[in-house]
Protein backbone atom coordinates (compact mmCIF):
# COMPACT_ATOMS: atom_id res chain seq x y z
CA MET A 1 -35.96 -22.21 -4.14
CA ARG A 2 -36.98 -19.38 -1.84
CA ALA A 3 -35.41 -21.19 1.16
CA ALA A 4 -32.14 -21.65 -0.72
CA ALA A 5 -32.03 -17.95 -1.63
CA SER A 6 -32.69 -17.03 2.00
CA VAL A 7 -29.86 -19.27 3.22
CA LEU A 8 -27.49 -17.86 0.57
CA THR A 9 -28.37 -14.28 1.60
CA GLY A 10 -27.67 -15.17 5.24
CA ILE A 11 -24.30 -16.67 4.36
CA LEU A 12 -23.31 -13.61 2.34
CA LEU A 13 -24.28 -11.27 5.18
CA VAL A 14 -22.27 -13.24 7.74
CA SER A 15 -19.22 -13.69 5.51
CA SER A 16 -19.03 -10.01 4.54
CA GLY A 17 -18.55 -8.83 8.13
CA CYS A 18 -15.32 -8.48 10.04
CA GLY A 19 -14.29 -9.18 13.56
CA GLY A 20 -15.23 -11.69 16.15
CA GLY A 21 -18.38 -13.40 17.12
CA ASP A 22 -19.56 -16.75 15.99
CA GLY A 23 -22.18 -15.36 13.58
CA GLY A 24 -24.58 -18.08 14.61
CA GLY A 25 -22.03 -20.79 13.88
CA ALA A 26 -20.33 -19.18 10.89
CA THR A 27 -16.79 -17.83 11.17
CA ALA A 28 -16.29 -14.22 10.12
CA ALA A 29 -13.50 -13.42 7.68
CA PRO A 30 -10.39 -11.84 9.22
CA CYS A 31 -10.43 -8.04 9.37
CA LEU A 32 -7.29 -6.09 8.37
CA SER A 33 -6.14 -2.77 9.83
CA PHE A 34 -2.90 -0.80 9.39
CA VAL A 35 -1.07 1.87 11.38
CA GLY A 36 1.95 3.73 10.00
CA ALA A 37 5.07 3.88 12.17
CA GLN A 38 5.47 7.64 11.64
CA ALA A 39 3.34 10.55 10.54
CA PRO A 40 4.21 12.34 7.29
CA ALA A 41 6.85 15.05 7.77
CA ALA A 42 9.46 16.88 5.69
CA GLY A 43 12.30 14.59 4.63
CA LYS A 44 10.31 11.44 5.44
CA VAL A 45 8.72 8.85 3.19
CA VAL A 46 6.11 6.98 5.21
CA ALA A 47 3.40 4.36 4.87
CA ARG A 48 -0.17 5.22 5.88
CA LEU A 49 -3.62 3.67 5.53
CA ALA A 50 -5.48 4.96 2.47
CA ALA A 51 -9.01 6.24 2.91
CA GLY A 52 -11.79 3.78 2.14
CA GLY A 53 -11.39 0.08 1.71
CA SER A 54 -12.85 -2.63 3.89
CA CYS A 55 -11.77 -5.29 6.33
CA ALA A 56 -11.22 -7.63 3.41
CA ALA A 57 -8.82 -5.36 1.48
CA ARG A 58 -6.79 -2.36 2.56
CA ALA A 59 -4.68 0.04 0.54
CA VAL A 60 -1.48 1.36 2.07
CA GLU A 61 -0.07 4.54 0.56
CA ILE A 62 3.56 5.54 0.47
CA VAL A 63 3.60 9.29 1.10
CA VAL A 64 6.39 11.77 0.30
CA THR A 65 6.59 15.15 2.05
CA ASP A 66 8.39 18.28 0.80
CA VAL A 67 10.94 16.85 -1.63
CA SER A 68 11.95 18.57 -4.89
CA ASP A 69 12.46 17.03 -8.33
CA VAL A 70 11.12 13.50 -7.78
CA PHE A 71 11.19 11.41 -10.96
CA GLY A 72 10.79 7.89 -9.56
CA ALA A 73 11.48 5.46 -6.73
CA GLN A 74 12.52 1.94 -5.92
CA LEU A 75 11.73 0.04 -2.73
CA THR A 76 11.30 -3.40 -1.27
CA LEU A 77 8.28 -4.30 0.87
CA ASN A 78 8.65 -7.01 3.51
CA PHE A 79 5.68 -8.55 5.37
CA ASP A 80 4.47 -11.87 6.80
CA ALA A 81 3.00 -13.77 3.84
CA SER A 82 1.31 -16.25 6.19
CA LYS A 83 -0.84 -13.37 7.52
CA LEU A 84 -1.25 -11.13 4.42
CA SER A 85 -1.85 -11.50 0.73
CA TYR A 86 -0.28 -8.87 -1.55
CA GLY A 87 -2.74 -7.59 -4.15
CA GLY A 88 -0.50 -5.33 -6.22
CA ALA A 89 0.67 -1.76 -6.72
CA SER A 90 -1.11 1.20 -8.31
CA SER A 91 0.02 4.62 -9.46
CA GLN A 92 -3.57 5.92 -9.29
CA GLY A 93 -3.48 9.24 -7.44
CA SER A 94 0.33 9.45 -7.58
CA PHE A 95 1.95 12.87 -7.79
CA LEU A 96 4.19 11.39 -10.50
CA THR A 97 1.27 11.74 -12.94
CA SER A 98 1.47 15.56 -12.64
CA GLY A 99 1.31 17.38 -15.94
CA GLY A 100 -0.33 14.37 -17.60
CA ALA A 101 2.80 12.20 -17.41
CA GLN A 102 2.47 8.45 -17.82
CA VAL A 103 3.78 6.34 -14.94
CA SER A 104 5.34 2.90 -15.11
CA VAL A 105 5.05 0.55 -12.13
CA GLN A 106 7.22 -2.57 -12.13
CA GLN A 107 6.91 -5.18 -9.39
CA ASP A 108 8.43 -8.56 -8.71
CA GLY A 109 8.30 -10.80 -5.72
CA THR A 110 7.13 -13.89 -4.02
CA GLY A 111 6.05 -14.62 -0.51
CA GLY A 112 6.54 -11.68 1.80
CA THR A 113 9.05 -9.73 -0.29
CA VAL A 114 8.07 -7.50 -3.19
CA VAL A 115 10.49 -5.27 -5.11
CA VAL A 116 8.81 -2.26 -6.73
CA GLY A 117 9.93 0.49 -9.10
CA ILE A 118 7.84 3.47 -10.17
CA SER A 119 8.87 6.14 -12.66
CA ARG A 120 7.55 8.90 -14.89
CA ILE A 121 7.79 8.05 -18.60
CA GLY A 122 7.56 10.22 -21.69
CA VAL A 123 8.85 13.30 -19.82
CA ASN A 124 12.26 14.37 -18.58
CA THR A 125 11.27 16.50 -15.58
CA GLY A 126 10.60 15.57 -12.00
CA VAL A 127 7.85 16.75 -9.65
CA ASN A 128 8.35 19.16 -6.75
CA VAL A 129 6.36 17.69 -3.87
CA THR A 130 4.89 20.32 -1.57
CA GLY A 131 3.20 19.00 1.55
CA SER A 132 2.41 15.28 1.81
CA GLN A 133 1.49 13.55 -1.43
CA VAL A 134 0.96 9.93 -2.50
CA LEU A 135 3.78 8.25 -4.42
CA ILE A 136 2.21 4.77 -4.82
CA ARG A 137 -0.52 2.54 -3.31
CA PHE A 138 -0.27 -1.12 -2.35
CA THR A 139 -3.22 -3.42 -1.69
CA PHE A 140 -3.24 -6.16 0.94
CA ALA A 141 -5.83 -8.67 2.13
CA PRO A 142 -5.92 -10.64 5.40
CA LEU A 143 -5.17 -14.36 5.42
CA ALA A 144 -4.93 -15.29 9.10
CA VAL A 145 -5.46 -13.68 12.49
CA GLY A 146 -2.32 -12.11 13.97
CA SER A 147 -0.01 -9.24 13.15
CA SER A 148 2.68 -8.33 10.66
CA THR A 149 5.09 -5.50 10.26
CA LEU A 150 5.43 -3.80 6.90
CA SER A 151 9.04 -2.83 6.50
CA ILE A 152 10.42 -0.81 3.62
CA THR A 153 14.03 -1.58 2.67
CA SER A 154 16.43 -0.77 -0.17
CA ALA A 155 14.38 2.38 -0.74
CA GLN A 156 15.36 5.44 -2.74
CA LEU A 157 13.70 8.36 -4.46
CA PHE A 158 15.35 9.50 -7.68
CA GLY A 159 15.63 12.93 -9.29
CA SER A 160 15.34 13.71 -13.00
CA GLN A 161 19.08 13.90 -13.73
CA THR A 162 20.61 11.67 -16.41
CA PRO A 163 21.47 9.15 -15.13
CA PRO A 164 18.91 9.35 -12.27
CA GLN A 165 20.49 10.24 -8.94
CA PRO A 166 19.19 9.16 -5.50
CA LYS A 167 17.73 11.90 -3.30
CA PRO A 168 19.93 12.04 -0.16
CA GLY A 169 18.86 12.45 3.47
CA LEU A 170 15.41 10.83 3.38
CA THR A 171 14.13 8.38 5.96
CA TRP A 172 11.60 5.67 5.12
CA SER A 173 9.22 3.98 7.54
CA GLY A 174 6.59 1.28 7.23
CA GLY A 175 4.08 0.30 9.86
CA SER A 176 2.13 -2.62 11.26
CA PHE A 177 -0.89 -4.68 10.29
CA THR A 178 -3.33 -6.23 12.73
CA ILE A 179 -5.58 -9.01 11.53
CA GLN A 180 -8.53 -9.80 13.81
């Protein structure tokens, strides 16, 4: 029994690491990293690596900088589904929750394309974003060694008008994953 527990502990230690090496015959799980294509700046909506996480799961934040009256957004994420697994979207930490507002996140997709909508509910005002603030977080996990771009398409921020109107003049940028 003690020998079996020792072997199990060894397997868990080897499998929880990232990177190369043969681990004494065991293969380490792929390790995921992400780099945004652009730094946050006024008039830009960019993807960046969230703090924390591990090689086995990374959160990518979509960050908005200096935009007034933001009520919601829609966007499509595109990535290589043979390299990455999509784990979902979260409004945790989103500026859209300002003032105690509830936030609805809707997502739909298969493979390497996910369509996402996020909006304030129960209120009729938007949020003035000063500086760089998180709109939404997406979680990814590595599947296979290689690389993948994360592109953001069909993307718009919306103001609080009725009906909601797209915010003009914004640029969106994704980034790239490396799986080692």
